[in-house]
């Protein structure tokens, strides 16, 4: 969409995310903190800011939480998002590691 009096482009946007494990690194649970700053090139009226703080952001976070629970219920795995080529390479690396391990144990 080209910039016009009705639409502006946000030229400055800087997201930052910090994650850490809930308890252990090998768990599929983590805490995160996402912050960002942007320059929307406009001034929001105070009632809009009040709505964003009191309703907009909490509603967004609740929807994100529900989507996460739904994804967990259908057991979406990380491997579902890894390209097949990467999985093949990973399998080859695993097979090589198993051969090396067997050699070290004198099984080959």
PDB file of N, CA and C in Angstrom:
ATOM      1  N   UNK A   1       0.859  -1.162   0.000  1.00  0.00           N
ATOM      2  CA  UNK A   1       0.000   0.000   0.000  1.00  0.00           C
ATOM      3  C   UNK A   1       0.908   1.228   0.000  1.00  0.00           C
ATOM      4  N   UNK A   2       0.775   2.091  -0.978  1.00  0.00           N
ATOM      5  CA  UNK A   2       1.604   3.303  -1.009  1.00  0.00           C
ATOM      6  C   UNK A   2       1.193   4.289   0.084  1.00  0.00           C
ATOM      7  N   UNK A   3       2.170   5.069   0.522  1.00  0.00           N
ATOM      8  CA  UNK A   3       1.883   6.080   1.533  1.00  0.00           C
ATOM      9  C   UNK A   3       0.976   7.149   0.931  1.00  0.00           C
ATOM     10  N   UNK A   4       0.031   7.617   1.726  1.00  0.00           N
ATOM     11  CA  UNK A   4      -0.920   8.641   1.287  1.00  0.00           C
ATOM     12  C   UNK A   4      -1.385   9.390   2.529  1.00  0.00           C
ATOM     13  N   UNK A   5      -2.242  10.389   2.381  1.00  0.00           N
ATOM     14  CA  UNK A   5      -2.759  11.059   3.576  1.00  0.00           C
ATOM     15  C   UNK A   5      -3.523  10.100   4.504  1.00  0.00           C
ATOM     16  N   UNK A   6      -4.077   9.024   3.947  1.00  0.00           N
ATOM     17  CA  UNK A   6      -4.828   8.063   4.760  1.00  0.00           C
ATOM     18  C   UNK A   6      -3.933   6.974   5.359  1.00  0.00           C
ATOM     19  N   UNK A   7      -2.769   6.710   4.744  1.00  0.00           N
ATOM     20  CA  UNK A   7      -1.870   5.647   5.186  1.00  0.00           C
ATOM     21  C   UNK A   7      -0.458   6.186   5.330  1.00  0.00           C
ATOM     22  N   UNK A   8       0.182   5.835   6.445  1.00  0.00           N
ATOM     23  CA  UNK A   8       1.571   6.227   6.647  1.00  0.00           C
ATOM     24  C   UNK A   8       2.437   4.979   6.745  1.00  0.00           C
ATOM     25  N   UNK A   9       3.709   5.145   6.580  1.00  0.00           N
ATOM     26  CA  UNK A   9       4.676   4.066   6.740  1.00  0.00           C
ATOM     27  C   UNK A   9       5.449   4.299   8.028  1.00  0.00           C
ATOM     28  N   UNK A  10       5.567   3.265   8.825  1.00  0.00           N
ATOM     29  CA  UNK A  10       6.386   3.350  10.029  1.00  0.00           C
ATOM     30  C   UNK A  10       7.818   3.093   9.579  1.00  0.00           C
ATOM     31  N   UNK A  11       8.642   4.108   9.666  1.00  0.00           N
ATOM     32  CA  UNK A  11      10.013   4.005   9.172  1.00  0.00           C
ATOM     33  C   UNK A  11      10.995   3.567  10.260  1.00  0.00           C
ATOM     34  N   UNK A  12      10.587   3.680  11.485  1.00  0.00           N
ATOM     35  CA  UNK A  12      11.469   3.332  12.592  1.00  0.00           C
ATOM     36  C   UNK A  12      10.728   2.363  13.519  1.00  0.00           C
ATOM     37  N   UNK A  13      11.220   1.131  13.568  1.00  0.00           N
ATOM     38  CA  UNK A  13      10.610   0.098  14.415  1.00  0.00           C
ATOM     39  C   UNK A  13      11.740  -0.755  14.978  1.00  0.00           C
ATOM     40  N   UNK A  14      11.789  -0.917  16.268  1.00  0.00           N
ATOM     41  CA  UNK A  14      12.861  -1.691  16.884  1.00  0.00           C
ATOM     42  C   UNK A  14      12.296  -2.648  17.927  1.00  0.00           C
ATOM     43  N   UNK A  15      12.187  -3.942  17.575  1.00  0.00           N
ATOM     44  CA  UNK A  15      11.716  -4.921  18.560  1.00  0.00           C
ATOM     45  C   UNK A  15      12.887  -5.503  19.345  1.00  0.00           C
ATOM     46  N   UNK A  16      12.618  -5.916  20.552  1.00  0.00           N
ATOM     47  CA  UNK A  16      13.609  -6.606  21.382  1.00  0.00           C
ATOM     48  C   UNK A  16      12.876  -7.716  22.122  1.00  0.00           C
ATOM     49  N   UNK A  17      13.466  -8.902  22.124  1.00  0.00           N
ATOM     50  CA  UNK A  17      12.863 -10.016  22.852  1.00  0.00           C
ATOM     51  C   UNK A  17      13.929 -10.673  23.725  1.00  0.00           C
ATOM     52  N   UNK A  18      13.534 -10.983  24.921  1.00  0.00           N
ATOM     53  CA  UNK A  18      14.399 -11.687  25.863  1.00  0.00           C
ATOM     54  C   UNK A  18      13.652 -12.947  26.273  1.00  0.00           C
ATOM     55  N   UNK A  19      14.316 -14.093  26.176  1.00  0.00           N
ATOM     56  CA  UNK A  19      13.697 -15.351  26.589  1.00  0.00           C
ATOM     57  C   UNK A  19      14.603 -16.055  27.591  1.00  0.00           C
ATOM     58  N   UNK A  20      14.004 -16.805  28.462  1.00  0.00           N
ATOM     59  CA  UNK A  20      14.772 -17.679  29.346  1.00  0.00           C
ATOM     60  C   UNK A  20      13.887 -18.855  29.724  1.00  0.00           C
ATOM     61  N   UNK A  21      14.518 -19.996  30.033  1.00  0.00           N
ATOM     62  CA  UNK A  21      13.733 -21.195  30.327  1.00  0.00           C
ATOM     63  C   UNK A  21      12.928 -21.033  31.607  1.00  0.00           C
ATOM     64  N   UNK A  22      11.819 -21.718  31.648  1.00  0.00           N
ATOM     65  CA  UNK A  22      10.983 -21.709  32.848  1.00  0.00           C
ATOM     66  C   UNK A  22      11.744 -22.321  34.018  1.00  0.00           C
ATOM     67  N   UNK A  23      12.277 -23.511  33.806  1.00  0.00           N
ATOM     68  CA  UNK A  23      13.107 -24.163  34.831  1.00  0.00           C
ATOM     69  C   UNK A  23      14.394 -24.688  34.209  1.00  0.00           C
ATOM     70  N   UNK A  24      14.255 -25.549  33.204  1.00  0.00           N
ATOM     71  CA  UNK A  24      15.413 -26.183  32.579  1.00  0.00           C
ATOM     72  C   UNK A  24      15.450 -25.862  31.090  1.00  0.00           C
ATOM     73  N   UNK A  25      16.636 -25.877  30.501  1.00  0.00           N
ATOM     74  CA  UNK A  25      16.779 -25.554  29.088  1.00  0.00           C
ATOM     75  C   UNK A  25      16.137 -26.582  28.172  1.00  0.00           C
ATOM     76  N   UNK A  26      16.019 -27.827  28.606  1.00  0.00           N
ATOM     77  CA  UNK A  26      15.462 -28.856  27.731  1.00  0.00           C
ATOM     78  C   UNK A  26      13.940 -28.936  27.788  1.00  0.00           C
ATOM     79  N   UNK A  27      13.287 -28.065  28.545  1.00  0.00           N
ATOM     80  CA  UNK A  27      11.827 -28.040  28.591  1.00  0.00           C
ATOM     81  C   UNK A  27      11.282 -27.197  27.441  1.00  0.00           C
ATOM     82  N   UNK A  28      10.064 -27.478  27.057  1.00  0.00           N
ATOM     83  CA  UNK A  28       9.413 -26.700  26.002  1.00  0.00           C
ATOM     84  C   UNK A  28       8.611 -25.545  26.581  1.00  0.00           C
ATOM     85  N   UNK A  29       9.072 -24.979  27.676  1.00  0.00           N
ATOM     86  CA  UNK A  29       8.386 -23.871  28.336  1.00  0.00           C
ATOM     87  C   UNK A  29       9.412 -22.779  28.575  1.00  0.00           C
ATOM     88  N   UNK A  30       9.046 -21.554  28.280  1.00  0.00           N
ATOM     89  CA  UNK A  30       9.963 -20.457  28.543  1.00  0.00           C
ATOM     90  C   UNK A  30       9.190 -19.185  28.838  1.00  0.00           C
ATOM     91  N   UNK A  31       9.853 -18.274  29.481  1.00  0.00           N
ATOM     92  CA  UNK A  31       9.314 -16.938  29.717  1.00  0.00           C
ATOM     93  C   UNK A  31       9.864 -16.034  28.628  1.00  0.00           C
ATOM     94  N   UNK A  32       9.092 -15.031  28.251  1.00  0.00           N
ATOM     95  CA  UNK A  32       9.622 -14.080  27.285  1.00  0.00           C
ATOM     96  C   UNK A  32       9.152 -12.681  27.640  1.00  0.00           C
ATOM     97  N   UNK A  33       9.932 -11.733  27.215  1.00  0.00           N
ATOM     98  CA  UNK A  33       9.593 -10.326  27.358  1.00  0.00           C
ATOM     99  C   UNK A  33       9.818  -9.694  26.001  1.00  0.00           C
ATOM    100  N   UNK A  34       8.775  -9.157  25.430  1.00  0.00           N
ATOM    101  CA  UNK A  34       8.863  -8.517  24.123  1.00  0.00           C
ATOM    102  C   UNK A  34       8.569  -7.039  24.294  1.00  0.00           C
ATOM    103  N   UNK A  35       9.498  -6.219  23.869  1.00  0.00           N
ATOM    104  CA  UNK A  35       9.287  -4.773  23.884  1.00  0.00           C
ATOM    105  C   UNK A  35       9.597  -4.238  22.498  1.00  0.00           C
ATOM    106  N   UNK A  36       9.024  -3.128  22.183  1.00  0.00           N
ATOM    107  CA  UNK A  36       9.350  -2.506  20.908  1.00  0.00           C
ATOM    108  C   UNK A  36       9.108  -1.012  21.016  1.00  0.00           C
ATOM    109  N   UNK A  37       9.727  -0.324  20.114  1.00  0.00           N
ATOM    110  CA  UNK A  37       9.469   1.110  19.995  1.00  0.00           C
ATOM    111  C   UNK A  37       9.325   1.419  18.515  1.00  0.00           C
ATOM    112  N   UNK A  38       8.479   2.342  18.227  1.00  0.00           N
ATOM    113  CA  UNK A  38       8.304   2.762  16.841  1.00  0.00           C
ATOM    114  C   UNK A  38       7.976   4.247  16.811  1.00  0.00           C
ATOM    115  N   UNK A  39       7.968   4.771  15.629  1.00  0.00           N
ATOM    116  CA  UNK A  39       7.583   6.157  15.427  1.00  0.00           C
ATOM    117  C   UNK A  39       6.417   6.151  14.447  1.00  0.00           C
ATOM    118  N   UNK A  40       5.194   6.174  14.938  1.00  0.00           N
ATOM    119  CA  UNK A  40       4.037   6.105  14.047  1.00  0.00           C
ATOM    120  C   UNK A  40       3.794   7.395  13.265  1.00  0.00           C
ATOM    121  N   UNK A  41       4.616   8.397  13.486  1.00  0.00           N
ATOM    122  CA  UNK A  41       4.534   9.667  12.765  1.00  0.00           C
ATOM    123  C   UNK A  41       3.199  10.370  12.979  1.00  0.00           C
ATOM    124  N   UNK A  42       2.631  10.156  14.132  1.00  0.00           N
ATOM    125  CA  UNK A  42       1.382  10.821  14.475  1.00  0.00           C
ATOM    126  C   UNK A  42       1.259  10.870  15.996  1.00  0.00           C
ATOM    127  N   UNK A  43       0.325  11.629  16.481  1.00  0.00           N
ATOM    128  CA  UNK A  43       0.048  11.684  17.909  1.00  0.00           C
ATOM    129  C   UNK A  43      -1.295  11.004  18.138  1.00  0.00           C
ATOM    130  N   UNK A  44      -1.294   9.997  18.999  1.00  0.00           N
ATOM    131  CA  UNK A  44      -2.542   9.312  19.300  1.00  0.00           C
ATOM    132  C   UNK A  44      -3.322  10.110  20.335  1.00  0.00           C
ATOM    133  N   UNK A  45      -4.615  10.274  20.123  1.00  0.00           N
ATOM    134  CA  UNK A  45      -5.436  10.938  21.145  1.00  0.00           C
ATOM    135  C   UNK A  45      -5.393  10.135  22.447  1.00  0.00           C
ATOM    136  N   UNK A  46      -5.550  10.804  23.555  1.00  0.00           N
ATOM    137  CA  UNK A  46      -5.430  10.140  24.858  1.00  0.00           C
ATOM    138  C   UNK A  46      -6.439   9.005  25.022  1.00  0.00           C
ATOM    139  N   UNK A  47      -7.644   9.136  24.447  1.00  0.00           N
ATOM    140  CA  UNK A  47      -8.619   8.047  24.579  1.00  0.00           C
ATOM    141  C   UNK A  47      -8.145   6.797  23.836  1.00  0.00           C
ATOM    142  N   UNK A  48      -7.390   6.977  22.738  1.00  0.00           N
ATOM    143  CA  UNK A  48      -6.845   5.814  22.023  1.00  0.00           C
ATOM    144  C   UNK A  48      -5.766   5.129  22.855  1.00  0.00           C
ATOM    145  N   UNK A  49      -4.894   5.921  23.448  1.00  0.00           N
ATOM    146  CA  UNK A  49      -3.845   5.358  24.295  1.00  0.00           C
ATOM    147  C   UNK A  49      -4.482   4.627  25.473  1.00  0.00           C
ATOM    148  N   UNK A  50      -5.505   5.220  26.071  1.00  0.00           N
ATOM    149  CA  UNK A  50      -6.194   4.573  27.193  1.00  0.00           C
ATOM    150  C   UNK A  50      -6.796   3.239  26.766  1.00  0.00           C
ATOM    151  N   UNK A  51      -7.419   3.201  25.586  1.00  0.00           N
ATOM    152  CA  UNK A  51      -8.001   1.955  25.089  1.00  0.00           C
ATOM    153  C   UNK A  51      -6.910   0.909  24.856  1.00  0.00           C
ATOM    154  N   UNK A  52      -5.789   1.323  24.225  1.00  0.00           N
ATOM    155  CA  UNK A  52      -4.704   0.371  23.960  1.00  0.00           C
ATOM    156  C   UNK A  52      -4.184  -0.244  25.254  1.00  0.00           C
ATOM    157  N   UNK A  53      -4.019   0.585  26.278  1.00  0.00           N
ATOM    158  CA  UNK A  53      -3.473   0.108  27.548  1.00  0.00           C
ATOM    159  C   UNK A  53      -4.488  -0.743  28.303  1.00  0.00           C
ATOM    160  N   UNK A  54      -5.748  -0.330  28.326  1.00  0.00           N
ATOM    161  CA  UNK A  54      -6.742  -1.026  29.147  1.00  0.00           C
ATOM    162  C   UNK A  54      -7.395  -2.211  28.441  1.00  0.00           C
ATOM    163  N   UNK A  55      -7.547  -2.166  27.125  1.00  0.00           N
ATOM    164  CA  UNK A  55      -8.271  -3.224  26.412  1.00  0.00           C
ATOM    165  C   UNK A  55      -7.489  -3.851  25.268  1.00  0.00           C
ATOM    166  N   UNK A  56      -6.925  -3.032  24.418  1.00  0.00           N
ATOM    167  CA  UNK A  56      -6.290  -3.528  23.194  1.00  0.00           C
ATOM    168  C   UNK A  56      -5.176  -4.521  23.441  1.00  0.00           C
ATOM    169  N   UNK A  57      -4.183  -4.145  24.227  1.00  0.00           N
ATOM    170  CA  UNK A  57      -3.048  -5.028  24.480  1.00  0.00           C
ATOM    171  C   UNK A  57      -3.449  -6.238  25.323  1.00  0.00           C
ATOM    172  N   UNK A  58      -4.209  -6.080  26.401  1.00  0.00           N
ATOM    173  CA  UNK A  58      -4.634  -7.279  27.146  1.00  0.00           C
ATOM    174  C   UNK A  58      -5.433  -8.261  26.281  1.00  0.00           C
ATOM    175  N   UNK A  59      -6.299  -7.751  25.407  1.00  0.00           N
ATOM    176  CA  UNK A  59      -7.070  -8.619  24.519  1.00  0.00           C
ATOM    177  C   UNK A  59      -6.142  -9.358  23.556  1.00  0.00           C
ATOM    178  N   UNK A  60      -5.173  -8.641  22.995  1.00  0.00           N
ATOM    179  CA  UNK A  60      -4.205  -9.252  22.088  1.00  0.00           C
ATOM    180  C   UNK A  60      -3.430 -10.364  22.794  1.00  0.00           C
ATOM    181  N   UNK A  61      -2.959 -10.095  24.008  1.00  0.00           N
ATOM    182  CA  UNK A  61      -2.192 -11.097  24.749  1.00  0.00           C
ATOM    183  C   UNK A  61      -3.046 -12.309  25.106  1.00  0.00           C
ATOM    184  N   UNK A  62      -4.309 -12.091  25.442  1.00  0.00           N
ATOM    185  CA  UNK A  62      -5.206 -13.214  25.733  1.00  0.00           C
ATOM    186  C   UNK A  62      -5.410 -14.076  24.485  1.00  0.00           C
ATOM    187  N   UNK A  63      -5.591 -13.435  23.332  1.00  0.00           N
ATOM    188  CA  UNK A  63      -5.741 -14.191  22.077  1.00  0.00           C
ATOM    189  C   UNK A  63      -4.469 -14.970  21.758  1.00  0.00           C
ATOM    190  N   UNK A  64      -3.305 -14.364  22.001  1.00  0.00           N
ATOM    191  CA  UNK A  64      -2.039 -15.050  21.759  1.00  0.00           C
ATOM    192  C   UNK A  64      -1.906 -16.257  22.696  1.00  0.00           C
ATOM    193  N   UNK A  65      -2.290 -16.082  23.940  1.00  0.00           N
ATOM    194  CA  UNK A  65      -2.230 -17.177  24.908  1.00  0.00           C
ATOM    195  C   UNK A  65      -3.152 -18.320  24.489  1.00  0.00           C
ATOM    196  N   UNK A  66      -4.368 -17.996  24.072  1.00  0.00           N
ATOM    197  CA  UNK A  66      -5.318 -19.031  23.646  1.00  0.00           C
ATOM    198  C   UNK A  66      -4.802 -19.758  22.408  1.00  0.00           C
ATOM    199  N   UNK A  67      -4.202 -19.025  21.469  1.00  0.00           N
ATOM    200  CA  UNK A  67      -3.643 -19.658  20.270  1.00  0.00           C
ATOM    201  C   UNK A  67      -2.503 -20.597  20.643  1.00  0.00           C
ATOM    202  N   UNK A  68      -1.713 -20.206  21.631  1.00  0.00           N
ATOM    203  CA  UNK A  68      -0.620 -21.058  22.093  1.00  0.00           C
ATOM    204  C   UNK A  68      -1.164 -22.341  22.708  1.00  0.00           C
ATOM    205  N   UNK A  69      -2.197 -22.220  23.525  1.00  0.00           N
ATOM    206  CA  UNK A  69      -2.805 -23.415  24.122  1.00  0.00           C
ATOM    207  C   UNK A  69      -3.401 -24.316  23.049  1.00  0.00           C
ATOM    208  N   UNK A  70      -4.032 -23.710  22.053  1.00  0.00           N
ATOM    209  CA  UNK A  70      -4.620 -24.494  20.968  1.00  0.00           C
ATOM    210  C   UNK A  70      -3.520 -25.223  20.195  1.00  0.00           C
ATOM    211  N   UNK A  71      -2.416 -24.536  19.935  1.00  0.00           N
ATOM    212  CA  UNK A  71      -1.296 -25.167  19.233  1.00  0.00           C
ATOM    213  C   UNK A  71      -0.752 -26.329  20.057  1.00  0.00           C
ATOM    214  N   UNK A  72      -0.680 -26.150  21.359  1.00  0.00           N
ATOM    215  CA  UNK A  72      -0.193 -27.221  22.233  1.00  0.00           C
ATOM    216  C   UNK A  72      -1.140 -28.414  22.163  1.00  0.00           C
ATOM    217  N   UNK A  73      -2.443 -28.164  22.114  1.00  0.00           N
ATOM    218  CA  UNK A  73      -3.430 -29.242  22.082  1.00  0.00           C
ATOM    219  C   UNK A  73      -3.375 -30.048  20.797  1.00  0.00           C
ATOM    220  N   UNK A  74      -2.999 -29.430  19.695  1.00  0.00           N
ATOM    221  CA  UNK A  74      -2.882 -30.181  18.443  1.00  0.00           C
ATOM    222  C   UNK A  74      -1.459 -30.686  18.248  1.00  0.00           C
ATOM    223  N   UNK A  75      -0.644 -30.502  19.287  1.00  0.00           N
ATOM    224  CA  UNK A  75       0.714 -31.030  19.324  1.00  0.00           C
ATOM    225  C   UNK A  75       1.537 -30.628  18.117  1.00  0.00           C
ATOM    226  N   UNK A  76       1.568 -29.344  17.852  1.00  0.00           N
ATOM    227  CA  UNK A  76       2.430 -28.837  16.793  1.00  0.00           C
ATOM    228  C   UNK A  76       3.865 -28.956  17.280  1.00  0.00           C
ATOM    229  N   UNK A  77       4.687 -29.582  16.513  1.00  0.00           N
ATOM    230  CA  UNK A  77       6.082 -29.799  16.886  1.00  0.00           C
ATOM    231  C   UNK A  77       6.978 -28.864  16.073  1.00  0.00           C
ATOM    232  N   UNK A  78       8.135 -28.585  16.613  1.00  0.00           N
ATOM    233  CA  UNK A  78       9.092 -27.728  15.914  1.00  0.00           C
ATOM    234  C   UNK A  78       9.442 -28.326  14.567  1.00  0.00           C
ATOM    235  N   UNK A  79       9.558 -29.658  14.493  1.00  0.00           N
ATOM    236  CA  UNK A  79       9.939 -30.295  13.232  1.00  0.00           C
ATOM    237  C   UNK A  79       8.917 -30.042  12.128  1.00  0.00           C
ATOM    238  N   UNK A  80       7.678 -29.694  12.488  1.00  0.00           N
ATOM    239  CA  UNK A  80       6.671 -29.391  11.476  1.00  0.00           C
ATOM    240  C   UNK A  80       7.057 -28.159  10.663  1.00  0.00           C
ATOM    241  N   UNK A  81       7.925 -27.334  11.222  1.00  0.00           N
ATOM    242  CA  UNK A  81       8.299 -26.090  10.562  1.00  0.00           C
ATOM    243  C   UNK A  81       9.697 -26.131   9.965  1.00  0.00           C
ATOM    244  N   UNK A  82      10.396 -27.258  10.117  1.00  0.00           N
ATOM    245  CA  UNK A  82      11.750 -27.376   9.585  1.00  0.00           C
ATOM    246  C   UNK A  82      11.654 -27.935   8.169  1.00  0.00           C
ATOM    247  N   UNK A  83      12.311 -27.297   7.193  1.00  0.00           N
ATOM    248  CA  UNK A  83      12.266 -27.804   5.815  1.00  0.00           C
ATOM    249  C   UNK A  83      12.794 -29.235   5.731  1.00  0.00           C
ATOM    250  N   UNK A  84      12.272 -29.998   4.781  1.00  0.00           N
ATOM    251  CA  UNK A  84      12.642 -31.403   4.621  1.00  0.00           C
ATOM    252  C   UNK A  84      14.145 -31.566   4.417  1.00  0.00           C
ATOM    253  N   UNK A  85      14.779 -30.656   3.681  1.00  0.00           N
ATOM    254  CA  UNK A  85      16.216 -30.731   3.424  1.00  0.00           C
ATOM    255  C   UNK A  85      16.990 -30.688   4.740  1.00  0.00           C
ATOM    256  N   UNK A  86      16.578 -29.827   5.644  1.00  0.00           N
ATOM    257  CA  UNK A  86      17.242 -29.719   6.943  1.00  0.00           C
ATOM    258  C   UNK A  86      17.073 -31.006   7.732  1.00  0.00           C
ATOM    259  N   UNK A  87      15.870 -31.594   7.695  1.00  0.00           N
ATOM    260  CA  UNK A  87      15.632 -32.853   8.405  1.00  0.00           C
ATOM    261  C   UNK A  87      16.510 -33.961   7.845  1.00  0.00           C
ATOM    262  N   UNK A  88      16.655 -34.009   6.501  1.00  0.00           N
ATOM    263  CA  UNK A  88      17.485 -35.031   5.870  1.00  0.00           C
ATOM    264  C   UNK A  88      18.933 -34.869   6.317  1.00  0.00           C
ATOM    265  N   UNK A  89      19.423 -33.623   6.301  1.00  0.00           N
ATOM    266  CA  UNK A  89      20.798 -33.360   6.725  1.00  0.00           C
ATOM    267  C   UNK A  89      20.981 -33.751   8.187  1.00  0.00           C
ATOM    268  N   UNK A  90      19.987 -33.460   9.014  1.00  0.00           N
ATOM    269  CA  UNK A  90      20.054 -33.804  10.431  1.00  0.00           C
ATOM    270  C   UNK A  90      20.102 -35.317  10.615  1.00  0.00           C
ATOM    271  N   UNK A  91      19.315 -36.055   9.824  1.00  0.00           N
ATOM    272  CA  UNK A  91      19.304 -37.517   9.906  1.00  0.00           C
ATOM    273  C   UNK A  91      20.656 -38.086   9.502  1.00  0.00           C
ATOM    274  N   UNK A  92      21.262 -37.491   8.449  1.00  0.00           N
ATOM    275  CA  UNK A  92      22.575 -37.952   8.009  1.00  0.00           C
ATOM    276  C   UNK A  92      23.616 -37.694   9.090  1.00  0.00           C
ATOM    277  N   UNK A  93      23.547 -36.553   9.727  1.00  0.00           N
ATOM    278  CA  UNK A  93      24.490 -36.220  10.798  1.00  0.00           C
ATOM    279  C   UNK A  93      24.311 -37.177  11.970  1.00  0.00           C
ATOM    280  N   UNK A  94      23.058 -37.511  12.290  1.00  0.00           N
ATOM    281  CA  UNK A  94      22.782 -38.434  13.391  1.00  0.00           C
ATOM    282  C   UNK A  94      23.341 -39.818  13.069  1.00  0.00           C
ATOM    283  N   UNK A  95      23.151 -40.266  11.820  1.00  0.00           N
ATOM    284  CA  UNK A  95      23.663 -41.572  11.415  1.00  0.00           C
ATOM    285  C   UNK A  95      25.186 -41.594  11.504  1.00  0.00           C
ATOM    286  N   UNK A  96      25.842 -40.519  11.078  1.00  0.00           N
ATOM    287  CA  UNK A  96      27.299 -40.424  11.164  1.00  0.00           C
ATOM    288  C   UNK A  96      27.749 -40.487  12.611  1.00  0.00           C
ATOM    289  N   UNK A  97      27.050 -39.780  13.484  1.00  0.00           N
ATOM    290  CA  UNK A  97      27.381 -39.783  14.908  1.00  0.00           C
ATOM    291  C   UNK A  97      27.239 -41.182  15.491  1.00  0.00           C
ATOM    292  N   UNK A  98      26.190 -41.907  15.076  1.00  0.00           N
ATOM    293  CA  UNK A  98      25.983 -43.265  15.587  1.00  0.00           C
ATOM    294  C   UNK A  98      27.109 -44.192  15.134  1.00  0.00           C
ATOM    295  N   UNK A  99      27.564 -44.030  13.880  1.00  0.00           N
ATOM    296  CA  UNK A  99      28.661 -44.857  13.370  1.00  0.00           C
ATOM    297  C   UNK A  99      29.934 -44.557  14.144  1.00  0.00           C
ATOM    298  N   UNK A 100      30.217 -43.282  14.345  1.00  0.00           N
ATOM    299  CA  UNK A 100      31.416 -42.896  15.098  1.00  0.00           C
ATOM    300  C   UNK A 100      31.340 -43.447  16.516  1.00  0.00           C
ATOM    301  N   UNK A 101      30.175 -43.348  17.151  1.00  0.00           N
ATOM    302  CA  UNK A 101      29.998 -43.884  18.502  1.00  0.00           C
ATOM    303  C   UNK A 101      30.220 -45.385  18.548  1.00  0.00           C
ATOM    304  N   UNK A 102      29.726 -46.097  17.533  1.00  0.00           N
ATOM    305  CA  UNK A 102      29.899 -47.549  17.475  1.00  0.00           C
ATOM    306  C   UNK A 102      31.373 -47.899  17.282  1.00  0.00           C
ATOM    307  N   UNK A 103      32.089 -47.103  16.462  1.00  0.00           N
ATOM    308  CA  UNK A 103      33.521 -47.337  16.255  1.00  0.00           C
ATOM    309  C   UNK A 103      34.279 -47.156  17.568  1.00  0.00           C
ATOM    310  N   UNK A 104      33.921 -46.119  18.317  1.00  0.00           N
ATOM    311  CA  UNK A 104      34.605 -45.843  19.578  1.00  0.00           C
ATOM    312  C   UNK A 104      34.379 -46.964  20.590  1.00  0.00           C
ATOM    313  N   UNK A 105      33.237 -47.614  20.512  1.00  0.00           N
ATOM    314  CA  UNK A 105      32.929 -48.699  21.450  1.00  0.00           C
ATOM    315  C   UNK A 105      33.420 -50.054  20.930  1.00  0.00           C
ATOM    316  N   UNK A 106      34.082 -50.044  19.764  1.00  0.00           N
ATOM    317  CA  UNK A 106      34.626 -51.274  19.195  1.00  0.00           C
ATOM    318  C   UNK A 106      33.580 -52.184  18.601  1.00  0.00           C
ATOM    319  N   UNK A 107      32.424 -51.626  18.229  1.00  0.00           N
ATOM    320  CA  UNK A 107      31.349 -52.446  17.669  1.00  0.00           C
ATOM    321  C   UNK A 107      31.464 -52.590  16.162  1.00  0.00           C
ATOM    322  N   UNK A 108      32.331 -51.806  15.522  1.00  0.00           N
ATOM    323  CA  UNK A 108      32.483 -51.904  14.060  1.00  0.00           C
ATOM    324  C   UNK A 108      33.858 -52.403  13.698  1.00  0.00           C
TER     325      UNK A 108
END
